[in-house]
Amino acid sequence: MITYRPISLDDHDAQPLSDEAWSDGYPFVERMLHDWKSGANRFDGPGERLIGAFDDGKLIGFCGLNRDPYLSENAGRIRHLYVSLSHRHRGIARALEARTLDGAEAWFPRIRLRATPQSRKFYERLGFVPVDEPEATHSKSLR
């Protein structure tokens, strides 16, 4: 059974997911771990969060929400959505995104992200629309 909850990377070993993501061509997970350890991004600002997905207590994915650092306006930014290879195509990424954005409208009127070519259609199915904005490929209005 897959469960979801807010996490701290101090309490969970995300290195196996980072190693897998790196070999799968997604270095952003390693960057997330580095930023967490250095304190550069701990998903602890107002409205920010990091949600983990667990299978039998083992961390199998995560999705973060930050204030968008590239804008002066108040907006959120989806960061570091990743699901292990062995758990893909089971709705886990969709559930992570939904849980990450649950209640986010109280903090952010819209959410931006930078999709990879492989993830563009996924985000569009979740209601994100393509945008021509610096540092973002998609946006979603929450209000």
N, C-alpha and C. Protein backbone atom coordinates (compact mmCIF):
# COMPACT_ATOMS: atom_id res chain seq x y z
N MET A 1 0.84 -1.19 0.00
CA MET A 1 0.00 0.00 0.00
C MET A 1 0.89 1.25 0.00
N ILE A 2 0.60 2.17 -0.89
CA ILE A 2 1.36 3.41 -0.99
C ILE A 2 0.76 4.44 -0.03
N THR A 3 1.63 5.08 0.75
CA THR A 3 1.20 6.14 1.66
C THR A 3 1.97 7.41 1.32
N TYR A 4 1.40 8.54 1.72
CA TYR A 4 1.98 9.85 1.41
C TYR A 4 1.99 10.68 2.68
N ARG A 5 3.07 11.43 2.87
CA ARG A 5 3.13 12.34 4.02
C ARG A 5 4.26 13.35 3.85
N PRO A 6 4.16 14.48 4.55
CA PRO A 6 5.27 15.44 4.52
C PRO A 6 6.52 14.77 5.09
N ILE A 7 7.66 15.12 4.52
CA ILE A 7 8.90 14.50 4.98
C ILE A 7 9.99 15.54 5.21
N SER A 8 10.97 15.12 5.98
CA SER A 8 12.23 15.81 6.15
C SER A 8 13.30 14.87 5.62
N LEU A 9 14.19 15.37 4.80
CA LEU A 9 15.24 14.51 4.27
C LEU A 9 16.28 14.18 5.34
N ASP A 10 16.18 14.80 6.51
CA ASP A 10 17.03 14.42 7.63
C ASP A 10 16.60 13.06 8.18
N ASP A 11 15.32 12.73 7.99
CA ASP A 11 14.75 11.51 8.57
C ASP A 11 14.65 10.35 7.59
N HIS A 12 14.90 10.58 6.31
CA HIS A 12 14.71 9.54 5.30
C HIS A 12 15.92 9.48 4.37
N ASP A 13 16.30 8.28 3.99
CA ASP A 13 17.44 8.09 3.10
C ASP A 13 16.99 8.19 1.65
N ALA A 14 17.24 9.33 1.03
CA ALA A 14 16.86 9.54 -0.35
C ALA A 14 18.01 9.23 -1.31
N GLN A 15 19.17 8.83 -0.79
CA GLN A 15 20.32 8.58 -1.67
C GLN A 15 20.05 7.48 -2.70
N PRO A 16 19.39 6.38 -2.34
CA PRO A 16 19.10 5.38 -3.39
C PRO A 16 18.27 5.96 -4.54
N LEU A 17 17.28 6.80 -4.23
CA LEU A 17 16.50 7.43 -5.30
C LEU A 17 17.36 8.40 -6.10
N SER A 18 18.25 9.10 -5.43
CA SER A 18 19.13 10.02 -6.12
C SER A 18 20.06 9.28 -7.07
N ASP A 19 20.61 8.17 -6.62
CA ASP A 19 21.49 7.37 -7.49
C ASP A 19 20.73 6.85 -8.70
N GLU A 20 19.52 6.36 -8.47
CA GLU A 20 18.70 5.86 -9.57
C GLU A 20 18.37 6.99 -10.55
N ALA A 21 17.96 8.15 -10.02
CA ALA A 21 17.60 9.29 -10.86
C ALA A 21 18.80 9.74 -11.69
N TRP A 22 19.97 9.77 -11.09
CA TRP A 22 21.18 10.19 -11.80
C TRP A 22 21.43 9.27 -13.00
N SER A 23 21.36 7.96 -12.76
CA SER A 23 21.61 7.02 -13.85
C SER A 23 20.48 7.03 -14.88
N ASP A 24 19.30 7.52 -14.49
CA ASP A 24 18.15 7.62 -15.38
C ASP A 24 18.14 8.96 -16.13
N GLY A 25 19.16 9.79 -15.89
CA GLY A 25 19.27 11.06 -16.59
C GLY A 25 18.60 12.24 -15.92
N TYR A 26 18.32 12.12 -14.62
CA TYR A 26 17.67 13.20 -13.87
C TYR A 26 18.55 13.64 -12.71
N PRO A 27 19.51 14.54 -12.96
CA PRO A 27 20.43 14.97 -11.90
C PRO A 27 19.79 15.90 -10.86
N PHE A 28 18.54 16.34 -11.08
CA PHE A 28 17.92 17.28 -10.16
C PHE A 28 17.74 16.70 -8.76
N VAL A 29 17.64 15.39 -8.64
CA VAL A 29 17.45 14.79 -7.31
C VAL A 29 18.73 14.96 -6.48
N GLU A 30 19.87 14.76 -7.11
CA GLU A 30 21.15 14.98 -6.41
C GLU A 30 21.26 16.44 -5.98
N ARG A 31 20.85 17.37 -6.86
CA ARG A 31 20.87 18.79 -6.51
C ARG A 31 19.95 19.07 -5.32
N MET A 32 18.77 18.43 -5.30
CA MET A 32 17.86 18.61 -4.18
C MET A 32 18.51 18.17 -2.88
N LEU A 33 19.18 17.01 -2.89
CA LEU A 33 19.84 16.52 -1.68
C LEU A 33 20.95 17.47 -1.25
N HIS A 34 21.72 17.95 -2.20
CA HIS A 34 22.78 18.90 -1.89
C HIS A 34 22.20 20.17 -1.26
N ASP A 35 21.15 20.70 -1.88
CA ASP A 35 20.52 21.92 -1.36
C ASP A 35 19.93 21.70 0.02
N TRP A 36 19.40 20.52 0.27
CA TRP A 36 18.85 20.22 1.60
C TRP A 36 19.98 20.22 2.64
N LYS A 37 21.04 19.50 2.32
CA LYS A 37 22.17 19.38 3.27
C LYS A 37 22.83 20.72 3.54
N SER A 38 22.93 21.57 2.52
CA SER A 38 23.56 22.88 2.69
C SER A 38 22.63 23.89 3.34
N GLY A 39 21.34 23.58 3.37
CA GLY A 39 20.35 24.52 3.91
C GLY A 39 19.82 25.50 2.88
N ALA A 40 20.27 25.38 1.63
CA ALA A 40 19.81 26.29 0.58
C ALA A 40 18.33 26.13 0.28
N ASN A 41 17.81 24.90 0.42
CA ASN A 41 16.38 24.65 0.20
C ASN A 41 15.95 23.49 1.07
N ARG A 42 15.18 23.82 2.10
CA ARG A 42 14.67 22.79 3.00
C ARG A 42 13.15 22.73 2.99
N PHE A 43 12.54 23.39 2.00
CA PHE A 43 11.07 23.36 1.86
C PHE A 43 10.38 23.76 3.17
N ASP A 44 10.91 24.79 3.82
CA ASP A 44 10.38 25.15 5.12
C ASP A 44 9.90 26.60 5.21
N GLY A 45 9.76 27.27 4.07
CA GLY A 45 9.21 28.61 4.07
C GLY A 45 7.69 28.57 4.15
N PRO A 46 7.05 29.73 4.30
CA PRO A 46 5.59 29.77 4.35
C PRO A 46 4.97 29.11 3.11
N GLY A 47 4.12 28.13 3.33
CA GLY A 47 3.43 27.43 2.27
C GLY A 47 4.25 26.34 1.59
N GLU A 48 5.52 26.24 1.92
CA GLU A 48 6.38 25.25 1.27
C GLU A 48 6.24 23.88 1.93
N ARG A 49 6.54 22.84 1.16
CA ARG A 49 6.46 21.47 1.69
C ARG A 49 7.19 20.50 0.78
N LEU A 50 7.55 19.37 1.35
CA LEU A 50 8.11 18.25 0.60
C LEU A 50 7.30 17.03 1.01
N ILE A 51 6.65 16.41 0.04
CA ILE A 51 5.79 15.25 0.29
C ILE A 51 6.50 14.00 -0.22
N GLY A 52 6.51 12.96 0.60
CA GLY A 52 7.11 11.69 0.21
C GLY A 52 6.05 10.64 -0.04
N ALA A 53 6.37 9.71 -0.93
CA ALA A 53 5.53 8.53 -1.18
C ALA A 53 6.30 7.33 -0.66
N PHE A 54 5.59 6.45 0.03
CA PHE A 54 6.22 5.30 0.67
C PHE A 54 5.49 4.02 0.29
N ASP A 55 6.28 2.99 0.06
CA ASP A 55 5.74 1.65 -0.16
C ASP A 55 6.32 0.77 0.93
N ASP A 56 5.45 0.32 1.82
CA ASP A 56 5.89 -0.49 2.96
C ASP A 56 6.98 0.20 3.76
N GLY A 57 6.85 1.52 3.94
CA GLY A 57 7.80 2.29 4.73
C GLY A 57 9.03 2.75 3.98
N LYS A 58 9.22 2.31 2.75
CA LYS A 58 10.40 2.69 1.95
C LYS A 58 10.05 3.88 1.07
N LEU A 59 10.90 4.92 1.11
CA LEU A 59 10.70 6.11 0.29
C LEU A 59 10.85 5.73 -1.19
N ILE A 60 9.79 6.00 -1.97
CA ILE A 60 9.82 5.65 -3.39
C ILE A 60 9.61 6.86 -4.30
N GLY A 61 9.37 8.02 -3.72
CA GLY A 61 9.18 9.22 -4.53
C GLY A 61 8.94 10.44 -3.66
N PHE A 62 8.98 11.60 -4.30
CA PHE A 62 8.72 12.84 -3.57
C PHE A 62 8.38 13.95 -4.55
N CYS A 63 7.82 15.01 -4.00
CA CYS A 63 7.49 16.20 -4.77
C CYS A 63 7.52 17.38 -3.81
N GLY A 64 8.15 18.46 -4.24
CA GLY A 64 8.28 19.63 -3.39
C GLY A 64 7.57 20.84 -3.95
N LEU A 65 7.27 21.76 -3.05
CA LEU A 65 6.67 23.05 -3.41
C LEU A 65 7.44 24.13 -2.69
N ASN A 66 7.92 25.11 -3.46
CA ASN A 66 8.61 26.28 -2.92
C ASN A 66 7.94 27.53 -3.42
N ARG A 67 8.26 28.64 -2.78
CA ARG A 67 7.96 29.94 -3.36
C ARG A 67 8.86 30.03 -4.59
N ASP A 68 8.32 30.49 -5.71
CA ASP A 68 9.10 30.56 -6.94
C ASP A 68 10.19 31.62 -6.80
N PRO A 69 11.47 31.21 -6.80
CA PRO A 69 12.56 32.16 -6.59
C PRO A 69 12.84 33.04 -7.80
N TYR A 70 12.22 32.75 -8.93
CA TYR A 70 12.50 33.49 -10.15
C TYR A 70 11.54 34.65 -10.38
N LEU A 71 10.57 34.83 -9.48
CA LEU A 71 9.56 35.88 -9.65
C LEU A 71 9.53 36.81 -8.45
N SER A 72 9.18 38.06 -8.70
CA SER A 72 8.95 38.98 -7.59
C SER A 72 7.51 38.84 -7.09
N GLU A 73 6.61 38.41 -7.97
CA GLU A 73 5.22 38.18 -7.55
C GLU A 73 5.15 36.91 -6.70
N ASN A 74 4.11 36.79 -5.95
CA ASN A 74 3.93 35.60 -5.11
C ASN A 74 3.40 34.45 -5.96
N ALA A 75 4.22 33.44 -6.15
CA ALA A 75 3.83 32.24 -6.89
C ALA A 75 4.59 31.06 -6.30
N GLY A 76 4.01 29.89 -6.43
CA GLY A 76 4.69 28.68 -6.00
C GLY A 76 5.39 28.01 -7.17
N ARG A 77 6.23 27.06 -6.83
CA ARG A 77 6.95 26.33 -7.87
C ARG A 77 7.05 24.87 -7.47
N ILE A 78 6.56 23.98 -8.34
CA ILE A 78 6.73 22.54 -8.14
C ILE A 78 8.20 22.23 -8.39
N ARG A 79 8.79 21.49 -7.45
CA ARG A 79 10.22 21.15 -7.55
C ARG A 79 10.42 19.67 -7.31
N HIS A 80 11.27 19.08 -8.09
CA HIS A 80 11.84 17.76 -7.80
C HIS A 80 10.83 16.62 -7.68
N LEU A 81 9.85 16.58 -8.56
CA LEU A 81 8.93 15.43 -8.60
C LEU A 81 9.68 14.25 -9.19
N TYR A 82 9.78 13.19 -8.41
CA TYR A 82 10.47 11.98 -8.88
C TYR A 82 9.82 10.77 -8.23
N VAL A 83 9.64 9.72 -9.05
CA VAL A 83 9.12 8.43 -8.59
C VAL A 83 10.07 7.35 -9.09
N SER A 84 10.38 6.39 -8.22
CA SER A 84 11.31 5.32 -8.59
C SER A 84 10.83 4.57 -9.83
N LEU A 85 11.78 4.08 -10.59
CA LEU A 85 11.47 3.37 -11.83
C LEU A 85 10.50 2.21 -11.59
N SER A 86 10.69 1.50 -10.50
CA SER A 86 9.86 0.31 -10.22
C SER A 86 8.42 0.66 -9.81
N HIS A 87 8.14 1.94 -9.58
CA HIS A 87 6.81 2.34 -9.13
C HIS A 87 6.11 3.29 -10.10
N ARG A 88 6.64 3.45 -11.28
CA ARG A 88 6.04 4.36 -12.26
C ARG A 88 4.80 3.74 -12.92
N HIS A 89 3.99 4.61 -13.48
CA HIS A 89 2.76 4.23 -14.21
C HIS A 89 1.74 3.57 -13.27
N ARG A 90 1.72 4.03 -12.02
CA ARG A 90 0.76 3.53 -11.04
C ARG A 90 -0.02 4.68 -10.39
N GLY A 91 0.12 5.89 -10.94
CA GLY A 91 -0.61 7.05 -10.40
C GLY A 91 0.08 7.72 -9.24
N ILE A 92 1.30 7.33 -8.91
CA ILE A 92 2.00 7.88 -7.75
C ILE A 92 2.42 9.33 -7.99
N ALA A 93 2.93 9.63 -9.17
CA ALA A 93 3.33 11.01 -9.47
C ALA A 93 2.12 11.94 -9.43
N ARG A 94 1.01 11.49 -9.97
CA ARG A 94 -0.22 12.29 -9.94
C ARG A 94 -0.67 12.53 -8.49
N ALA A 95 -0.61 11.49 -7.67
CA ALA A 95 -1.00 11.62 -6.26
C ALA A 95 -0.04 12.54 -5.51
N LEU A 96 1.25 12.44 -5.80
CA LEU A 96 2.23 13.32 -5.16
C LEU A 96 1.95 14.78 -5.51
N GLU A 97 1.69 15.05 -6.78
CA GLU A 97 1.41 16.42 -7.20
C GLU A 97 0.15 16.93 -6.51
N ALA A 98 -0.89 16.12 -6.44
CA ALA A 98 -2.14 16.54 -5.81
C ALA A 98 -1.94 16.82 -4.32
N ARG A 99 -1.22 15.97 -3.63
CA ARG A 99 -0.99 16.17 -2.20
C ARG A 99 -0.07 17.36 -1.95
N THR A 100 0.87 17.57 -2.84
CA THR A 100 1.77 18.72 -2.70
C THR A 100 1.01 20.03 -2.86
N LEU A 101 0.05 20.06 -3.76
CA LEU A 101 -0.71 21.29 -4.00
C LEU A 101 -1.95 21.43 -3.11
N ASP A 102 -2.28 20.40 -2.34
CA ASP A 102 -3.44 20.46 -1.46
C ASP A 102 -3.30 21.62 -0.46
N GLY A 103 -4.17 22.60 -0.56
CA GLY A 103 -4.14 23.76 0.33
C GLY A 103 -3.17 24.85 -0.10
N ALA A 104 -2.45 24.65 -1.19
CA ALA A 104 -1.45 25.63 -1.62
C ALA A 104 -2.07 26.95 -2.06
N GLU A 105 -3.35 26.93 -2.43
CA GLU A 105 -4.00 28.17 -2.86
C GLU A 105 -4.06 29.20 -1.74
N ALA A 106 -3.96 28.77 -0.51
CA ALA A 106 -3.92 29.71 0.62
C ALA A 106 -2.63 30.52 0.62
N TRP A 107 -1.60 30.01 -0.02
CA TRP A 107 -0.29 30.66 -0.04
C TRP A 107 0.07 31.24 -1.41
N PHE A 108 -0.36 30.55 -2.46
CA PHE A 108 0.09 30.92 -3.81
C PHE A 108 -1.09 30.97 -4.77
N PRO A 109 -1.26 32.09 -5.50
CA PRO A 109 -2.35 32.15 -6.47
C PRO A 109 -2.09 31.30 -7.72
N ARG A 110 -0.81 31.06 -8.00
CA ARG A 110 -0.50 30.19 -9.13
C ARG A 110 0.80 29.44 -8.87
N ILE A 111 0.96 28.38 -9.64
CA ILE A 111 2.13 27.50 -9.51
C ILE A 111 2.81 27.44 -10.87
N ARG A 112 4.13 27.52 -10.85
CA ARG A 112 4.91 27.38 -12.08
C ARG A 112 5.85 26.19 -11.95
N LEU A 113 6.36 25.75 -13.08
CA LEU A 113 7.35 24.68 -13.08
C LEU A 113 8.10 24.68 -14.39
N ARG A 114 9.20 23.96 -14.40
CA ARG A 114 9.96 23.75 -15.64
C ARG A 114 9.89 22.25 -15.93
N ALA A 115 9.10 21.90 -16.94
CA ALA A 115 8.92 20.50 -17.31
C ALA A 115 10.05 20.06 -18.24
N THR A 116 10.40 18.82 -18.13
CA THR A 116 11.31 18.21 -19.10
C THR A 116 10.50 17.87 -20.34
N PRO A 117 11.15 17.65 -21.47
CA PRO A 117 10.39 17.23 -22.65
C PRO A 117 9.54 15.98 -22.38
N GLN A 118 10.05 15.08 -21.53
CA GLN A 118 9.32 13.85 -21.22
C GLN A 118 8.12 14.08 -20.31
N SER A 119 8.13 15.16 -19.51
CA SER A 119 7.05 15.36 -18.54
C SER A 119 6.01 16.39 -18.95
N ARG A 120 6.20 17.04 -20.07
CA ARG A 120 5.26 18.10 -20.48
C ARG A 120 3.81 17.62 -20.56
N LYS A 121 3.57 16.53 -21.24
CA LYS A 121 2.20 16.02 -21.39
C LYS A 121 1.61 15.62 -20.03
N PHE A 122 2.41 15.05 -19.16
CA PHE A 122 1.95 14.69 -17.82
C PHE A 122 1.41 15.92 -17.10
N TYR A 123 2.19 16.99 -17.08
CA TYR A 123 1.75 18.20 -16.38
C TYR A 123 0.54 18.83 -17.05
N GLU A 124 0.47 18.76 -18.35
CA GLU A 124 -0.69 19.32 -19.05
C GLU A 124 -1.96 18.54 -18.71
N ARG A 125 -1.85 17.22 -18.51
CA ARG A 125 -3.02 16.44 -18.07
C ARG A 125 -3.45 16.84 -16.66
N LEU A 126 -2.53 17.40 -15.88
CA LEU A 126 -2.86 17.84 -14.52
C LEU A 126 -3.37 19.28 -14.48
N GLY A 127 -3.54 19.91 -15.63
CA GLY A 127 -4.10 21.26 -15.69
C GLY A 127 -3.09 22.37 -15.83
N PHE A 128 -1.81 22.05 -15.95
CA PHE A 128 -0.81 23.08 -16.20
C PHE A 128 -0.86 23.44 -17.68
N VAL A 129 -0.68 24.73 -17.97
CA VAL A 129 -0.69 25.18 -19.35
C VAL A 129 0.70 25.69 -19.73
N PRO A 130 1.09 25.46 -20.99
CA PRO A 130 2.38 25.98 -21.44
C PRO A 130 2.42 27.50 -21.36
N VAL A 131 3.56 28.03 -20.95
CA VAL A 131 3.74 29.48 -20.86
C VAL A 131 5.07 29.85 -21.51
N ASP A 132 5.15 31.07 -21.95
CA ASP A 132 6.39 31.61 -22.49
C ASP A 132 6.92 32.62 -21.47
N GLU A 133 7.49 32.09 -20.40
CA GLU A 133 7.98 32.92 -19.30
C GLU A 133 9.41 32.49 -18.96
N PRO A 134 10.22 33.43 -18.50
CA PRO A 134 11.57 33.04 -18.08
C PRO A 134 11.52 32.01 -16.95
N GLU A 135 12.34 31.01 -17.05
CA GLU A 135 12.52 30.01 -15.99
C GLU A 135 11.29 29.12 -15.74
N ALA A 136 10.34 29.08 -16.67
CA ALA A 136 9.18 28.20 -16.51
C ALA A 136 8.67 27.76 -17.88
N THR A 137 8.16 26.55 -17.92
CA THR A 137 7.53 26.06 -19.15
C THR A 137 6.02 25.95 -18.99
N HIS A 138 5.54 25.84 -17.73
CA HIS A 138 4.11 25.64 -17.47
C HIS A 138 3.67 26.40 -16.22
N SER A 139 2.38 26.69 -16.18
CA SER A 139 1.79 27.40 -15.05
C SER A 139 0.37 26.87 -14.82
N LYS A 140 -0.07 26.99 -13.57
CA LYS A 140 -1.41 26.57 -13.21
C LYS A 140 -1.97 27.58 -12.20
N SER A 141 -3.15 28.11 -12.51
CA SER A 141 -3.82 29.04 -11.59
C SER A 141 -4.51 28.24 -10.49
N LEU A 142 -4.35 28.68 -9.25
CA LEU A 142 -5.02 28.00 -8.13
C LEU A 142 -6.21 28.78 -7.63
N ARG A 143 -6.34 30.02 -8.01
CA ARG A 143 -7.46 30.84 -7.53
C ARG A 143 -8.30 31.31 -8.70
